[in-house]
Amino acid sequence: MQALRVVPKIFYFDTFKEFNEEFKIGKNDLLVTNEWMYTPYVKPLGIDTNVIYQEKFGAGEPSDEMIDAMAAEMKKYEFDRIVAFGGGTIVDICKILALDVPEKSIDLFTGVVVPVKIKKLLVVPTTCGTGSEVTNVAIAELKSLHTKKGIAVDETYADIAVLVPETIKGLPYKFFVTSSVDALIHAIEAYLSPKASPFTEMYSLQAIQMIMAGYKEIVAKGEDERFKHLKEFVLASNYAGIAFGNAGVGAVHAISYSIGGAFHVAHGEANYQFFTEVFKMYMRKNPTGKIMKANKIFADILGCTDGPEVYDELEKFLNKLIIKKPLREYGMVESQIDEFTKSTVANQQRLLGNNYVPLADEEIREIFANLF
């Protein structure tokens, strides 16, 4: 069994200026970013390059319609390399834009068109959550299918991943929390995945320890405390990305795509709504397996017992950072319990195969019902 694979070369710089001194963004590049990131970091350096601002093509998380529009715009420029400088939306979009994009990008996600990479891809993430810079996973909302779906092939790996803690200083507190809790869930889901290895477990454990340690400081001292720990959160996100890029994520992500696609809930926030409920279900099904180690990890950090109640304590702790809400508050209606269950089972087998233990359809339905 392959124990670990890290495809992109990984670079670290304290500042964007230091990064550009080495990689020299220029006329043969296409920079995909947001104007609010371009203005403070790129513009002062006088960089002469081709630029596409993602926000001009839609708000929120990636969709096939957004990708199609940006792919059309991209044809106006001559370039060899795409530089993705932004959050998860930009990174996932650029993984697709680096391919030979068909007229309708949905054909890549549904398997109608075989992916072929034609551009080099350099990723500079500006959040501390997705870990997408080191994975081959790209997620998009497929508008006509009313769901989110991922593609995960070698062609969607970045060539270069660059970590620059300076670039997440401007991340609003809410998005800092929703992105970093996503990384936490990446780490623990990868830890329990049947595909985990001693190497991925090492990355998972380190990410969990770093994120939870930072959270404890923020809870104790206030939200501005995060600025003292940006390097740790950026590294933890990357470690979690390496872990789940090899071991995968499971039911938390699989189930969360339902409300993410239907109600445009931010990815990390959607994941958090299902996190502890999925793990409680795991505990019911196999409380004596590897989940005992996961329980002890959180119990030791939180100073509580490592039984089933650890997930209640974890939820209480995380609620000090991000509130868990009933699904109805996002606009979900009772009939969608069955609808979302069927959609999850039909569209998310790639992720459900990474579950700690298999979940039957009725157990997935129970998770939705308990949270409704």
Protein backbone atom coordinates (compact mmCIF):
# COMPACT_ATOMS: atom_id res chain seq x y z
CA MET A 1 0.00 0.00 0.00
CA GLN A 2 1.29 3.46 -0.87
CA ALA A 3 1.85 5.23 2.45
CA LEU A 4 2.36 8.86 1.37
CA ARG A 5 2.49 10.95 -1.78
CA VAL A 6 3.04 14.70 -1.95
CA VAL A 7 2.96 15.86 -5.56
CA PRO A 8 3.44 19.65 -5.55
CA LYS A 9 6.75 21.09 -4.48
CA ILE A 10 6.08 23.12 -1.31
CA PHE A 11 7.66 26.50 -0.64
CA TYR A 12 7.39 28.76 2.40
CA PHE A 13 7.91 32.54 2.60
CA ASP A 14 7.04 35.00 5.34
CA THR A 15 5.88 37.66 2.87
CA PHE A 16 4.41 37.89 -0.63
CA LYS A 17 7.33 40.09 -1.67
CA GLU A 18 9.79 37.30 -0.78
CA PHE A 19 7.71 34.85 -2.76
CA ASN A 20 7.70 37.07 -5.86
CA GLU A 21 11.44 37.63 -5.64
CA GLU A 22 11.89 33.92 -6.27
CA PHE A 23 9.02 33.14 -8.63
CA LYS A 24 8.94 36.43 -10.57
CA ILE A 25 5.33 36.68 -11.75
CA GLY A 26 5.35 38.23 -15.22
CA LYS A 27 3.88 38.52 -18.71
CA ASN A 28 3.85 34.77 -19.32
CA ASP A 29 1.62 34.21 -16.29
CA LEU A 30 -2.09 34.51 -15.63
CA LEU A 31 -2.75 35.71 -12.08
CA VAL A 32 -6.18 34.67 -10.80
CA THR A 33 -7.00 36.52 -7.61
CA ASN A 34 -9.39 38.96 -5.93
CA GLU A 35 -8.94 42.70 -6.26
CA TRP A 36 -8.84 43.03 -2.48
CA MET A 37 -5.80 40.72 -2.45
CA TYR A 38 -4.20 42.25 -5.54
CA THR A 39 -4.27 45.79 -4.17
CA PRO A 40 -2.24 45.30 -0.96
CA TYR A 41 0.11 42.54 -2.11
CA VAL A 42 0.62 42.62 -5.89
CA LYS A 43 0.10 46.24 -6.93
CA PRO A 44 2.84 47.74 -4.67
CA LEU A 45 5.41 45.44 -6.32
CA GLY A 46 4.68 46.84 -9.81
CA ILE A 47 4.18 43.37 -11.26
CA ASP A 48 3.34 43.38 -14.98
CA THR A 49 1.15 40.35 -15.63
CA ASN A 50 -2.22 39.20 -16.90
CA VAL A 51 -4.90 39.36 -14.19
CA ILE A 52 -8.40 37.93 -13.76
CA TYR A 53 -10.41 38.97 -10.72
CA GLN A 54 -12.57 36.04 -9.65
CA GLU A 55 -15.29 38.17 -8.03
CA LYS A 56 -16.27 39.59 -11.40
CA PHE A 57 -17.61 36.18 -12.34
CA GLY A 58 -19.74 35.44 -9.28
CA ALA A 59 -19.74 35.38 -5.51
CA GLY A 60 -19.37 32.49 -3.10
CA GLU A 61 -17.96 29.05 -3.72
CA PRO A 62 -17.04 27.61 -7.14
CA SER A 63 -19.70 26.64 -9.65
CA ASP A 64 -19.52 25.21 -13.14
CA GLU A 65 -21.08 28.43 -14.46
CA MET A 66 -18.32 30.51 -12.82
CA ILE A 67 -15.64 28.22 -14.26
CA ASP A 68 -17.16 28.41 -17.76
CA ALA A 69 -17.20 32.21 -17.69
CA MET A 70 -13.61 32.45 -16.44
CA ALA A 71 -12.42 29.90 -18.99
CA ALA A 72 -13.89 32.10 -21.75
CA GLU A 73 -12.17 35.19 -20.32
CA MET A 74 -8.88 33.32 -20.05
CA LYS A 75 -8.75 32.83 -23.83
CA LYS A 76 -7.95 36.54 -24.22
CA TYR A 77 -4.44 36.03 -22.80
CA GLU A 78 -1.24 34.26 -23.82
CA PHE A 79 0.46 32.57 -20.85
CA ASP A 80 2.24 29.41 -19.73
CA ARG A 81 1.51 29.40 -16.01
CA ILE A 82 -1.56 30.06 -13.86
CA VAL A 83 -0.90 31.64 -10.47
CA ALA A 84 -3.84 31.02 -8.13
CA PHE A 85 -3.61 33.62 -5.37
CA GLY A 86 -6.69 33.32 -3.19
CA GLY A 87 -8.95 31.14 -1.11
CA GLY A 88 -10.50 27.78 -1.79
CA THR A 89 -12.79 29.12 -4.52
CA ILE A 90 -9.90 30.44 -6.58
CA VAL A 91 -7.71 27.40 -5.97
CA ASP A 92 -10.39 24.90 -7.00
CA ILE A 93 -11.32 26.95 -10.07
CA CYS A 94 -7.69 27.21 -11.17
CA LYS A 95 -7.23 23.46 -10.89
CA ILE A 96 -9.87 23.20 -13.59
CA LEU A 97 -8.63 26.17 -15.63
CA ALA A 98 -5.20 24.50 -15.90
CA LEU A 99 -6.91 21.73 -17.88
CA ASP A 100 -8.11 21.71 -21.46
CA VAL A 101 -11.54 23.05 -20.44
CA PRO A 102 -14.46 21.91 -22.61
CA GLU A 103 -17.29 24.26 -23.51
CA LYS A 104 -19.17 23.02 -20.45
CA SER A 105 -16.92 22.29 -17.46
CA ILE A 106 -19.64 20.12 -15.92
CA ASP A 107 -18.48 17.45 -18.38
CA LEU A 108 -15.21 17.18 -16.46
CA PHE A 109 -16.99 16.67 -13.13
CA THR A 110 -19.40 14.08 -14.50
CA GLY A 111 -16.74 12.11 -16.35
CA VAL A 112 -17.99 12.88 -19.86
CA VAL A 113 -14.63 14.48 -20.75
CA VAL A 114 -11.24 13.07 -19.74
CA PRO A 115 -9.08 15.74 -17.98
CA VAL A 116 -5.91 16.81 -19.79
CA LYS A 117 -3.59 19.33 -18.13
CA ILE A 118 -2.18 22.00 -20.45
CA LYS A 119 -0.95 24.77 -18.10
CA LYS A 120 1.42 24.83 -15.15
CA LEU A 121 -0.28 25.71 -11.87
CA LEU A 122 1.20 27.60 -8.93
CA VAL A 123 -1.03 27.94 -5.86
CA VAL A 124 -0.68 30.57 -3.10
CA PRO A 125 -3.58 30.00 -0.66
CA THR A 126 -4.90 32.97 1.33
CA THR A 127 -6.93 31.00 3.87
CA CYS A 128 -5.90 28.47 6.49
CA GLY A 129 -8.38 25.72 5.79
CA THR A 130 -8.69 23.95 2.48
CA GLY A 131 -5.22 22.45 2.18
CA SER A 132 -6.19 22.40 -1.48
CA GLU A 133 -2.74 23.53 -2.54
CA VAL A 134 -1.43 19.98 -1.97
CA THR A 135 -4.45 17.90 -2.99
CA ASN A 136 -5.83 16.88 -6.37
CA VAL A 137 -9.41 17.60 -5.30
CA ALA A 138 -11.46 20.33 -6.95
CA ILE A 139 -15.06 20.90 -5.86
CA ALA A 140 -17.76 22.85 -7.66
CA GLU A 141 -21.46 23.39 -7.43
CA LEU A 142 -23.03 21.90 -10.54
CA LYS A 143 -25.91 24.28 -11.02
CA SER A 144 -28.05 22.14 -13.29
CA LEU A 145 -27.72 19.13 -10.97
CA HIS A 146 -28.33 21.13 -7.77
CA THR A 147 -25.40 19.50 -5.99
CA LYS A 148 -21.69 19.84 -5.29
CA LYS A 149 -19.34 17.32 -6.84
CA GLY A 150 -15.60 16.81 -6.81
CA ILE A 151 -12.99 15.71 -9.28
CA ALA A 152 -9.80 14.06 -7.99
CA VAL A 153 -7.24 13.07 -10.63
CA ASP A 154 -3.50 13.57 -11.06
CA GLU A 155 -4.15 16.30 -13.61
CA THR A 156 -5.67 18.56 -10.94
CA TYR A 157 -2.57 18.65 -8.73
CA ALA A 158 -0.77 21.98 -8.54
CA ASP A 159 2.85 21.98 -9.66
CA ILE A 160 3.95 24.37 -6.89
CA ALA A 161 2.33 25.14 -3.52
CA VAL A 162 3.44 28.27 -1.68
CA LEU A 163 2.66 29.10 1.95
CA VAL A 164 2.75 32.80 2.90
CA PRO A 165 1.25 33.53 6.36
CA GLU A 166 1.26 37.30 5.69
CA THR A 167 -1.51 36.85 3.13
CA ILE A 168 -4.13 35.67 5.66
CA LYS A 169 -3.79 38.72 7.90
CA GLY A 170 -6.78 40.35 6.21
CA LEU A 171 -9.01 37.30 6.52
CA PRO A 172 -12.11 38.32 8.51
CA TYR A 173 -12.50 36.48 11.81
CA LYS A 174 -15.54 34.46 10.71
CA PHE A 175 -13.76 33.18 7.60
CA PHE A 176 -10.62 32.47 9.61
CA VAL A 177 -12.70 30.23 11.88
CA THR A 178 -14.71 28.52 9.15
CA SER A 179 -11.57 27.80 7.13
CA SER A 180 -9.51 26.53 10.06
CA VAL A 181 -12.33 24.33 11.39
CA ASP A 182 -12.43 22.82 7.91
CA ALA A 183 -8.74 21.96 8.32
CA LEU A 184 -9.46 20.42 11.72
CA ILE A 185 -12.13 18.21 10.16
CA HIS A 186 -9.80 17.28 7.29
CA ALA A 187 -7.26 16.13 9.83
CA ILE A 188 -9.56 14.01 12.00
CA GLU A 189 -11.48 12.48 9.09
CA ALA A 190 -8.19 11.53 7.42
CA TYR A 191 -6.95 10.09 10.73
CA LEU A 192 -9.92 7.70 10.90
CA SER A 193 -9.97 6.86 7.19
CA PRO A 194 -9.33 3.22 6.25
CA LYS A 195 -6.70 4.61 3.86
CA ALA A 196 -4.70 6.25 6.68
CA SER A 197 -1.05 5.26 7.10
CA PRO A 198 1.48 6.04 9.87
CA PHE A 199 2.66 8.95 7.71
CA THR A 200 -0.77 10.50 7.17
CA GLU A 201 -1.57 9.96 10.85
CA MET A 202 1.54 11.96 11.76
CA TYR A 203 0.35 14.90 9.66
CA SER A 204 -3.20 14.58 10.99
CA LEU A 205 -2.13 14.55 14.62
CA GLN A 206 0.19 17.51 14.24
CA ALA A 207 -2.52 19.53 12.48
CA ILE A 208 -5.08 18.75 15.20
CA GLN A 209 -2.67 19.70 17.97
CA MET A 210 -1.69 22.99 16.32
CA ILE A 211 -5.25 24.06 15.48
CA MET A 212 -6.69 23.17 18.88
CA ALA A 213 -3.78 24.87 20.68
CA GLY A 214 -4.42 28.03 18.67
CA TYR A 215 -8.15 27.83 19.35
CA LYS A 216 -7.55 27.58 23.10
CA GLU A 217 -5.50 30.77 22.96
CA ILE A 218 -8.19 32.57 20.94
CA VAL A 219 -10.98 31.43 23.28
CA ALA A 220 -8.96 32.59 26.29
CA LYS A 221 -7.63 35.91 24.93
CA GLY A 222 -9.98 37.06 22.16
CA GLU A 223 -10.22 36.90 18.39
CA ASP A 224 -7.21 39.17 17.75
CA GLU A 225 -5.01 36.49 19.33
CA ARG A 226 -5.14 34.66 16.00
CA PHE A 227 -2.66 37.13 14.50
CA LYS A 228 0.07 35.70 16.74
CA HIS A 229 -0.52 32.21 15.37
CA LEU A 230 -0.97 32.68 11.61
CA LYS A 231 2.11 30.64 10.74
CA GLU A 232 0.90 27.73 12.86
CA PHE A 233 -2.58 27.79 11.27
CA VAL A 234 -1.16 27.99 7.74
CA LEU A 235 1.16 25.05 8.40
CA ALA A 236 -1.60 23.06 10.12
CA SER A 237 -3.89 23.56 7.14
CA ASN A 238 -1.14 22.30 4.85
CA TYR A 239 -0.43 19.27 7.08
CA ALA A 240 -4.15 18.43 7.12
CA GLY A 241 -4.19 18.80 3.33
CA ILE A 242 -1.33 16.34 2.98
CA ALA A 243 -3.17 13.92 5.28
CA PHE A 244 -6.52 14.00 3.53
CA GLY A 245 -4.93 14.26 0.10
CA ASN A 246 -3.64 10.75 0.75
CA ALA A 247 -6.20 9.22 3.12
CA GLY A 248 -9.33 11.09 2.04
CA VAL A 249 -12.21 12.57 4.00
CA GLY A 250 -15.50 10.88 4.71
CA ALA A 251 -19.10 11.32 5.78
CA VAL A 252 -18.79 14.80 7.30
CA HIS A 253 -17.76 16.25 3.96
CA ALA A 254 -20.03 13.97 1.94
CA ILE A 255 -23.15 14.97 3.87
CA SER A 256 -22.28 18.65 4.16
CA TYR A 257 -22.29 19.20 0.40
CA SER A 258 -26.09 19.00 0.53
CA ILE A 259 -26.57 22.25 2.45
CA GLY A 260 -23.53 23.82 0.83
CA GLY A 261 -25.03 23.38 -2.62
CA ALA A 262 -28.65 24.11 -1.71
CA PHE A 263 -28.19 27.09 0.61
CA HIS A 264 -24.71 28.38 -0.32
CA VAL A 265 -23.32 27.70 3.14
CA ALA A 266 -19.55 28.25 3.37
CA HIS A 267 -17.71 24.95 3.12
CA GLY A 268 -16.11 24.96 6.57
CA GLU A 269 -19.31 26.12 8.24
CA ALA A 270 -21.31 23.40 6.48
CA ASN A 271 -18.81 20.76 7.58
CA TYR A 272 -18.99 21.91 11.19
CA GLN A 273 -22.76 21.51 11.31
CA PHE A 274 -22.34 17.74 10.70
CA PHE A 275 -18.97 17.09 12.39
CA THR A 276 -19.86 15.91 15.87
CA GLU A 277 -23.13 14.25 14.82
CA VAL A 278 -21.28 12.00 12.35
CA PHE A 279 -18.70 11.11 14.98
CA LYS A 280 -21.41 10.26 17.49
CA MET A 281 -22.86 7.88 14.91
CA TYR A 282 -19.43 6.33 14.44
CA MET A 283 -19.21 5.85 18.20
CA ARG A 284 -22.54 4.05 18.25
CA LYS A 285 -21.44 1.68 15.49
CA ASN A 286 -17.89 0.85 16.58
CA PRO A 287 -16.85 2.47 19.87
CA THR A 288 -13.89 0.12 20.47
CA GLY A 289 -11.95 0.67 17.25
CA LYS A 290 -9.57 3.39 16.17
CA ILE A 291 -12.04 6.08 17.20
CA MET A 292 -10.88 5.46 20.77
CA LYS A 293 -7.58 7.09 19.77
CA ALA A 294 -9.43 10.04 18.25
CA ASN A 295 -11.46 10.43 21.43
CA LYS A 296 -8.31 10.51 23.53
CA ILE A 297 -6.71 13.15 21.30
CA PHE A 298 -9.58 15.56 21.93
CA ALA A 299 -10.09 14.53 25.56
CA ASP A 300 -6.45 15.26 26.39
CA ILE A 301 -6.67 18.69 24.74
CA LEU A 302 -10.00 19.59 26.36
CA GLY A 303 -9.31 18.05 29.76
CA CYS A 304 -12.36 15.77 29.74
CA THR A 305 -13.03 12.04 29.71
CA ASP A 306 -12.56 10.14 26.45
CA GLY A 307 -15.96 8.45 26.27
CA PRO A 308 -18.85 9.36 23.95
CA GLU A 309 -19.31 12.65 25.82
CA VAL A 310 -16.04 13.95 24.36
CA TYR A 311 -17.95 15.10 21.26
CA ASP A 312 -20.42 17.07 23.38
CA GLU A 313 -17.45 18.78 25.05
CA LEU A 314 -15.78 19.40 21.70
CA GLU A 315 -18.98 20.95 20.37
CA LYS A 316 -19.26 23.22 23.43
CA PHE A 317 -15.68 24.33 22.89
CA LEU A 318 -16.00 24.95 19.15
CA ASN A 319 -19.30 26.78 19.68
CA LYS A 320 -17.26 29.50 21.34
CA LEU A 321 -15.76 30.08 17.89
CA ILE A 322 -18.56 29.14 15.48
CA ILE A 323 -22.16 28.43 16.39
CA LYS A 324 -23.76 25.17 15.34
CA LYS A 325 -27.29 25.83 14.07
CA PRO A 326 -30.31 23.66 13.28
CA LEU A 327 -30.41 22.95 9.55
CA ARG A 328 -33.84 24.57 9.29
CA GLU A 329 -32.19 27.92 10.02
CA TYR A 330 -30.41 27.66 6.66
CA GLY A 331 -33.76 27.21 4.93
CA MET A 332 -33.99 23.42 4.91
CA VAL A 333 -37.49 21.93 5.07
CA GLU A 334 -38.45 18.53 6.43
CA SER A 335 -39.02 16.95 3.01
CA GLN A 336 -35.36 17.62 2.20
CA ILE A 337 -34.23 15.10 4.81
CA ASP A 338 -35.06 12.34 2.34
CA GLU A 339 -33.99 14.39 -0.68
CA PHE A 340 -30.56 15.17 0.74
CA THR A 341 -30.07 11.59 1.93
CA LYS A 342 -30.70 10.27 -1.57
CA SER A 343 -28.48 12.93 -3.12
CA THR A 344 -25.62 12.15 -0.73
CA VAL A 345 -25.79 8.42 -1.42
CA ALA A 346 -26.06 8.98 -5.18
CA ASN A 347 -23.32 11.58 -5.59
CA GLN A 348 -20.79 11.20 -2.77
CA GLN A 349 -19.62 7.58 -2.90
CA ARG A 350 -16.06 8.82 -3.53
CA LEU A 351 -16.07 10.26 -0.01
CA LEU A 352 -18.35 7.77 1.75
CA GLY A 353 -15.81 5.08 0.91
CA ASN A 354 -13.42 6.78 3.36
CA ASN A 355 -15.77 6.47 6.37
CA TYR A 356 -14.44 5.09 9.64
CA VAL A 357 -17.28 2.58 9.40
CA PRO A 358 -19.87 2.21 6.61
CA LEU A 359 -23.08 4.16 7.09
CA ALA A 360 -26.35 2.76 5.81
CA ASP A 361 -28.78 5.04 4.00
CA GLU A 362 -31.07 5.15 7.03
CA GLU A 363 -28.16 6.20 9.26
CA ILE A 364 -27.31 9.09 6.95
CA ARG A 365 -30.98 10.03 7.04
CA GLU A 366 -30.89 9.91 10.86
CA ILE A 367 -27.99 12.36 10.89
CA PHE A 368 -29.97 14.84 8.79
CA ALA A 369 -33.08 14.32 10.94
CA ASN A 370 -31.20 14.80 14.22
CA LEU A 371 -29.79 18.10 13.00
CA PHE A 372 -32.97 19.41 11.37
